[in-house]
Amino acid sequence: MIVSTSETIAGKTITRTLGLVRGNTIRARHLGRDILAGLRGMVGGEISEYTKMMAESREQAIDRMLEEARTLGANAVVSVKFMTSMVMSGAAEILCYGTAVILEDE
């Protein structure tokens, strides 16, 4: 399945728009990661524990969005965007959304 942040795909034509698809996940911080992050914050540098957690969250949100697109019969999702919001102290939602479409070669 083609996934793109743009509205069009070179060499392809959108023949049918199936609608909005989305995937999300909510992740909470973990005490062990918080301790490591706090120590790393004192000395500076990337907090790799959180980087990994956010990357996994984005991938899970994308997978859920693509699953929804497949159920609609799409072969692509265009105009993909991400949004993050805090839902409570220490927990954030990652939302991935786009437009499910059917593409054909030009």
C-alpha atoms as a PDB file:
ATOM      1  CA  MET A   1       0.000   0.000   0.000  1.00  0.00           C
ATOM      2  CA  ILE A   2       1.273   3.456  -0.904  1.00  0.00           C
ATOM      3  CA  VAL A   3       1.341   5.950   1.978  1.00  0.00           C
ATOM      4  CA  SER A   4       2.130   9.590   1.279  1.00  0.00           C
ATOM      5  CA  THR A   5       1.982  12.955   2.958  1.00  0.00           C
ATOM      6  CA  SER A   6       1.257  14.553  -0.423  1.00  0.00           C
ATOM      7  CA  GLU A   7      -2.156  14.774  -2.070  1.00  0.00           C
ATOM      8  CA  THR A   8      -0.998  13.154  -5.300  1.00  0.00           C
ATOM      9  CA  ILE A   9       1.311  10.328  -6.363  1.00  0.00           C
ATOM     10  CA  ALA A  10       3.502  10.777  -9.448  1.00  0.00           C
ATOM     11  CA  GLY A  11       2.422   8.513 -12.304  1.00  0.00           C
ATOM     12  CA  LYS A  12      -0.854   7.608 -10.588  1.00  0.00           C
ATOM     13  CA  THR A  13      -4.390   8.939 -10.765  1.00  0.00           C
ATOM     14  CA  ILE A  14      -6.867   8.850  -7.905  1.00  0.00           C
ATOM     15  CA  THR A  15      -9.900   7.110  -9.363  1.00  0.00           C
ATOM     16  CA  ARG A  16     -11.908   6.876  -6.180  1.00  0.00           C
ATOM     17  CA  THR A  17     -11.822   8.519  -2.770  1.00  0.00           C
ATOM     18  CA  LEU A  18     -12.961   6.179   0.005  1.00  0.00           C
ATOM     19  CA  GLY A  19     -12.765   8.565   2.933  1.00  0.00           C
ATOM     20  CA  LEU A  20     -10.952   9.398   6.122  1.00  0.00           C
ATOM     21  CA  VAL A  21      -8.959   6.661   7.821  1.00  0.00           C
ATOM     22  CA  ARG A  22      -7.172   6.923  11.115  1.00  0.00           C
ATOM     23  CA  GLY A  23      -5.211   4.991  13.659  1.00  0.00           C
ATOM     24  CA  ASN A  24      -4.210   5.926  17.153  1.00  0.00           C
ATOM     25  CA  THR A  25      -2.533   4.698  20.286  1.00  0.00           C
ATOM     26  CA  ILE A  26      -2.187   6.122  23.769  1.00  0.00           C
ATOM     27  CA  ARG A  27       1.041   5.498  25.605  1.00  0.00           C
ATOM     28  CA  ALA A  28       1.963   6.200  29.198  1.00  0.00           C
ATOM     29  CA  ARG A  29       5.430   6.798  30.512  1.00  0.00           C
ATOM     30  CA  HIS A  30       7.074   3.946  32.383  1.00  0.00           C
ATOM     31  CA  LEU A  31       8.750   4.434  35.759  1.00  0.00           C
ATOM     32  CA  GLY A  32      11.938   2.651  34.629  1.00  0.00           C
ATOM     33  CA  ARG A  33      12.150   4.818  31.519  1.00  0.00           C
ATOM     34  CA  ASP A  34      11.492   7.929  33.608  1.00  0.00           C
ATOM     35  CA  ILE A  35      14.421   7.139  35.880  1.00  0.00           C
ATOM     36  CA  LEU A  36      16.762   6.565  32.922  1.00  0.00           C
ATOM     37  CA  ALA A  37      15.425   9.680  31.192  1.00  0.00           C
ATOM     38  CA  GLY A  38      15.961  11.748  34.346  1.00  0.00           C
ATOM     39  CA  LEU A  39      19.558  10.574  34.609  1.00  0.00           C
ATOM     40  CA  ARG A  40      20.163  11.267  30.925  1.00  0.00           C
ATOM     41  CA  GLY A  41      18.551  14.684  31.309  1.00  0.00           C
ATOM     42  CA  MET A  42      21.163  15.595  33.911  1.00  0.00           C
ATOM     43  CA  VAL A  43      24.075  14.886  31.593  1.00  0.00           C
ATOM     44  CA  GLY A  44      22.402  15.924  28.335  1.00  0.00           C
ATOM     45  CA  GLY A  45      21.868  14.110  25.078  1.00  0.00           C
ATOM     46  CA  GLU A  46      19.093  12.185  23.414  1.00  0.00           C
ATOM     47  CA  ILE A  47      16.630  10.383  25.643  1.00  0.00           C
ATOM     48  CA  SER A  48      16.663   7.205  23.579  1.00  0.00           C
ATOM     49  CA  GLU A  49      14.077   5.434  25.755  1.00  0.00           C
ATOM     50  CA  TYR A  50      11.462   8.035  24.805  1.00  0.00           C
ATOM     51  CA  THR A  51      12.642   8.179  21.196  1.00  0.00           C
ATOM     52  CA  LYS A  52      12.072   4.430  20.911  1.00  0.00           C
ATOM     53  CA  MET A  53       8.679   4.633  22.640  1.00  0.00           C
ATOM     54  CA  MET A  54       7.477   7.397  20.307  1.00  0.00           C
ATOM     55  CA  ALA A  55       8.742   5.581  17.195  1.00  0.00           C
ATOM     56  CA  GLU A  56       6.887   2.414  18.256  1.00  0.00           C
ATOM     57  CA  SER A  57       3.758   4.480  18.917  1.00  0.00           C
ATOM     58  CA  ARG A  58       3.890   6.105  15.470  1.00  0.00           C
ATOM     59  CA  GLU A  59       4.320   2.710  13.791  1.00  0.00           C
ATOM     60  CA  GLN A  60       1.365   1.278  15.699  1.00  0.00           C
ATOM     61  CA  ALA A  61      -0.814   4.256  14.710  1.00  0.00           C
ATOM     62  CA  ILE A  62       0.219   3.868  11.039  1.00  0.00           C
ATOM     63  CA  ASP A  63      -0.524   0.129  11.131  1.00  0.00           C
ATOM     64  CA  ARG A  64      -3.992   0.775  12.548  1.00  0.00           C
ATOM     65  CA  MET A  65      -4.693   3.427   9.915  1.00  0.00           C
ATOM     66  CA  LEU A  66      -3.603   1.073   7.114  1.00  0.00           C
ATOM     67  CA  GLU A  67      -5.757  -1.721   8.508  1.00  0.00           C
ATOM     68  CA  GLU A  68      -8.775   0.587   8.311  1.00  0.00           C
ATOM     69  CA  ALA A  69      -7.833   1.589   4.747  1.00  0.00           C
ATOM     70  CA  ARG A  70      -7.547  -2.063   3.675  1.00  0.00           C
ATOM     71  CA  THR A  71     -11.021  -2.811   5.024  1.00  0.00           C
ATOM     72  CA  LEU A  72     -12.345  -0.055   2.745  1.00  0.00           C
ATOM     73  CA  GLY A  73     -10.547  -1.581  -0.246  1.00  0.00           C
ATOM     74  CA  ALA A  74      -7.956   1.176  -0.626  1.00  0.00           C
ATOM     75  CA  ASN A  75      -4.579   0.673  -2.265  1.00  0.00           C
ATOM     76  CA  ALA A  76      -3.179   3.989  -0.976  1.00  0.00           C
ATOM     77  CA  VAL A  77      -3.547   6.609   1.734  1.00  0.00           C
ATOM     78  CA  VAL A  78      -2.721  10.204   0.806  1.00  0.00           C
ATOM     79  CA  SER A  79      -2.433  13.449   2.770  1.00  0.00           C
ATOM     80  CA  VAL A  80      -1.179  11.534   5.823  1.00  0.00           C
ATOM     81  CA  LYS A  81      -0.595  13.578   8.957  1.00  0.00           C
ATOM     82  CA  PHE A  82       0.315  12.939  12.584  1.00  0.00           C
ATOM     83  CA  MET A  83      -0.992  14.618  15.686  1.00  0.00           C
ATOM     84  CA  THR A  84       0.074  14.199  19.282  1.00  0.00           C
ATOM     85  CA  SER A  85      -1.880  15.321  22.308  1.00  0.00           C
ATOM     86  CA  MET A  86      -1.520  14.857  26.015  1.00  0.00           C
ATOM     87  CA  VAL A  87      -4.520  13.003  27.475  1.00  0.00           C
ATOM     88  CA  MET A  88      -3.329  13.044  31.089  1.00  0.00           C
ATOM     89  CA  SER A  89      -0.142  13.669  32.985  1.00  0.00           C
ATOM     90  CA  GLY A  90       2.397  11.175  31.676  1.00  0.00           C
ATOM     91  CA  ALA A  91       0.248   9.822  28.803  1.00  0.00           C
ATOM     92  CA  ALA A  92      -0.027  10.979  25.203  1.00  0.00           C
ATOM     93  CA  GLU A  93      -2.095  10.012  22.184  1.00  0.00           C
ATOM     94  CA  ILE A  94      -0.478   9.594  18.781  1.00  0.00           C
ATOM     95  CA  LEU A  95      -2.994   9.952  15.949  1.00  0.00           C
ATOM     96  CA  CYS A  96      -2.233   9.193  12.308  1.00  0.00           C
ATOM     97  CA  TYR A  97      -4.833  10.080   9.680  1.00  0.00           C
ATOM     98  CA  GLY A  98      -5.225  10.446   5.952  1.00  0.00           C
ATOM     99  CA  THR A  99      -7.519   9.861   2.986  1.00  0.00           C
ATOM    100  CA  ALA A 100      -7.997   6.316   1.706  1.00  0.00           C
ATOM    101  CA  VAL A 101      -8.031   6.186  -2.091  1.00  0.00           C
ATOM    102  CA  ILE A 102      -7.827   3.854  -5.035  1.00  0.00           C
ATOM    103  CA  LEU A 103      -4.971   4.673  -7.399  1.00  0.00           C
ATOM    104  CA  GLU A 104      -4.460   3.549 -10.972  1.00  0.00           C
ATOM    105  CA  ASP A 105      -1.544   4.062 -13.345  1.00  0.00           C
ATOM    106  CA  GLU A 106      -1.858   7.094 -15.626  1.00  0.00           C
END
